[in-house]
């Protein structure tokens, strides 16, 4: 549970707020929603980084080492 002293206000346009609501789950707070979306973004960045490495790097098969 978040304590009131640990919160902040982030100004959002109504359009952004409404978009966030579309991704929210029943009973989920905005804090929980944003944390979940950030976790997803982190996973996507990891996958993109791995794909870039595979596409750009040159690898030597282990049996050739």
C-alpha atoms as a PDB file:
ATOM      1  CA  UNK A   1       0.000   0.000   0.000  1.00  0.00           C
ATOM      2  CA  UNK A   2       1.276   3.449  -0.894  1.00  0.00           C
ATOM      3  CA  UNK A   3       1.527   5.976   1.892  1.00  0.00           C
ATOM      4  CA  UNK A   4       0.196   9.449   1.182  1.00  0.00           C
ATOM      5  CA  UNK A   5       3.626  10.963   1.875  1.00  0.00           C
ATOM      6  CA  UNK A   6       5.098   8.753  -0.883  1.00  0.00           C
ATOM      7  CA  UNK A   7       2.818  10.063  -3.629  1.00  0.00           C
ATOM      8  CA  UNK A   8       3.067  12.847  -6.161  1.00  0.00           C
ATOM      9  CA  UNK A   9       0.763  14.489  -8.637  1.00  0.00           C
ATOM     10  CA  UNK A  10       1.526  14.166 -12.323  1.00  0.00           C
ATOM     11  CA  UNK A  11      -0.434  16.456 -14.628  1.00  0.00           C
ATOM     12  CA  UNK A  12      -1.935  14.567 -17.568  1.00  0.00           C
ATOM     13  CA  UNK A  13      -4.150  15.652 -20.388  1.00  0.00           C
ATOM     14  CA  UNK A  14      -7.640  14.181 -20.310  1.00  0.00           C
ATOM     15  CA  UNK A  15      -6.785  12.289 -23.500  1.00  0.00           C
ATOM     16  CA  UNK A  16      -3.799  10.598 -21.824  1.00  0.00           C
ATOM     17  CA  UNK A  17      -5.844   9.828 -18.701  1.00  0.00           C
ATOM     18  CA  UNK A  18      -8.560   8.267 -20.856  1.00  0.00           C
ATOM     19  CA  UNK A  19      -5.984   6.172 -22.719  1.00  0.00           C
ATOM     20  CA  UNK A  20      -4.590   4.940 -19.406  1.00  0.00           C
ATOM     21  CA  UNK A  21      -8.086   3.986 -18.275  1.00  0.00           C
ATOM     22  CA  UNK A  22      -8.413   1.737 -21.331  1.00  0.00           C
ATOM     23  CA  UNK A  23      -5.418  -0.304 -20.142  1.00  0.00           C
ATOM     24  CA  UNK A  24      -6.441  -0.428 -16.510  1.00  0.00           C
ATOM     25  CA  UNK A  25      -7.914  -3.480 -14.823  1.00  0.00           C
ATOM     26  CA  UNK A  26     -10.851  -3.456 -12.470  1.00  0.00           C
ATOM     27  CA  UNK A  27      -9.703  -2.309  -9.020  1.00  0.00           C
ATOM     28  CA  UNK A  28      -6.217  -1.366 -10.269  1.00  0.00           C
ATOM     29  CA  UNK A  29      -4.845   1.985  -9.147  1.00  0.00           C
ATOM     30  CA  UNK A  30      -3.105   4.325 -11.573  1.00  0.00           C
ATOM     31  CA  UNK A  31       0.136   3.579  -9.735  1.00  0.00           C
ATOM     32  CA  UNK A  32      -0.313  -0.170 -10.248  1.00  0.00           C
ATOM     33  CA  UNK A  33      -1.289   0.348 -13.875  1.00  0.00           C
ATOM     34  CA  UNK A  34       1.731   2.520 -14.628  1.00  0.00           C
ATOM     35  CA  UNK A  35       4.073   0.079 -12.862  1.00  0.00           C
ATOM     36  CA  UNK A  36       2.609  -2.795 -14.914  1.00  0.00           C
ATOM     37  CA  UNK A  37       3.019  -0.827 -18.149  1.00  0.00           C
ATOM     38  CA  UNK A  38       6.612   0.038 -17.220  1.00  0.00           C
ATOM     39  CA  UNK A  39       7.334  -3.661 -16.589  1.00  0.00           C
ATOM     40  CA  UNK A  40       5.977  -4.464 -20.045  1.00  0.00           C
ATOM     41  CA  UNK A  41       8.060  -1.664 -21.589  1.00  0.00           C
ATOM     42  CA  UNK A  42      11.178  -3.063 -19.895  1.00  0.00           C
ATOM     43  CA  UNK A  43      10.476  -6.534 -21.311  1.00  0.00           C
ATOM     44  CA  UNK A  44       9.945  -5.098 -24.796  1.00  0.00           C
ATOM     45  CA  UNK A  45      13.223  -3.164 -24.584  1.00  0.00           C
ATOM     46  CA  UNK A  46      15.037  -6.346 -23.517  1.00  0.00           C
ATOM     47  CA  UNK A  47      13.653  -8.292 -26.484  1.00  0.00           C
ATOM     48  CA  UNK A  48      14.483  -5.457 -28.892  1.00  0.00           C
ATOM     49  CA  UNK A  49      18.031  -5.315 -27.514  1.00  0.00           C
ATOM     50  CA  UNK A  50      18.457  -9.068 -27.981  1.00  0.00           C
ATOM     51  CA  UNK A  51      17.133  -8.906 -31.552  1.00  0.00           C
ATOM     52  CA  UNK A  52      19.502  -6.043 -32.353  1.00  0.00           C
ATOM     53  CA  UNK A  53      22.459  -7.976 -30.953  1.00  0.00           C
ATOM     54  CA  UNK A  54      21.517 -11.070 -32.964  1.00  0.00           C
ATOM     55  CA  UNK A  55      21.123  -8.997 -36.134  1.00  0.00           C
ATOM     56  CA  UNK A  56      24.289  -6.914 -35.778  1.00  0.00           C
ATOM     57  CA  UNK A  57      26.816  -9.101 -33.974  1.00  0.00           C
ATOM     58  CA  UNK A  58      28.887 -11.895 -35.405  1.00  0.00           C
ATOM     59  CA  UNK A  59      28.877 -15.148 -33.465  1.00  0.00           C
ATOM     60  CA  UNK A  60      31.237 -18.117 -33.447  1.00  0.00           C
ATOM     61  CA  UNK A  61      29.605 -21.514 -32.899  1.00  0.00           C
ATOM     62  CA  UNK A  62      30.753 -23.145 -29.646  1.00  0.00           C
ATOM     63  CA  UNK A  63      32.049 -26.216 -31.470  1.00  0.00           C
ATOM     64  CA  UNK A  64      34.486 -23.960 -33.344  1.00  0.00           C
ATOM     65  CA  UNK A  65      36.067 -22.560 -30.196  1.00  0.00           C
END
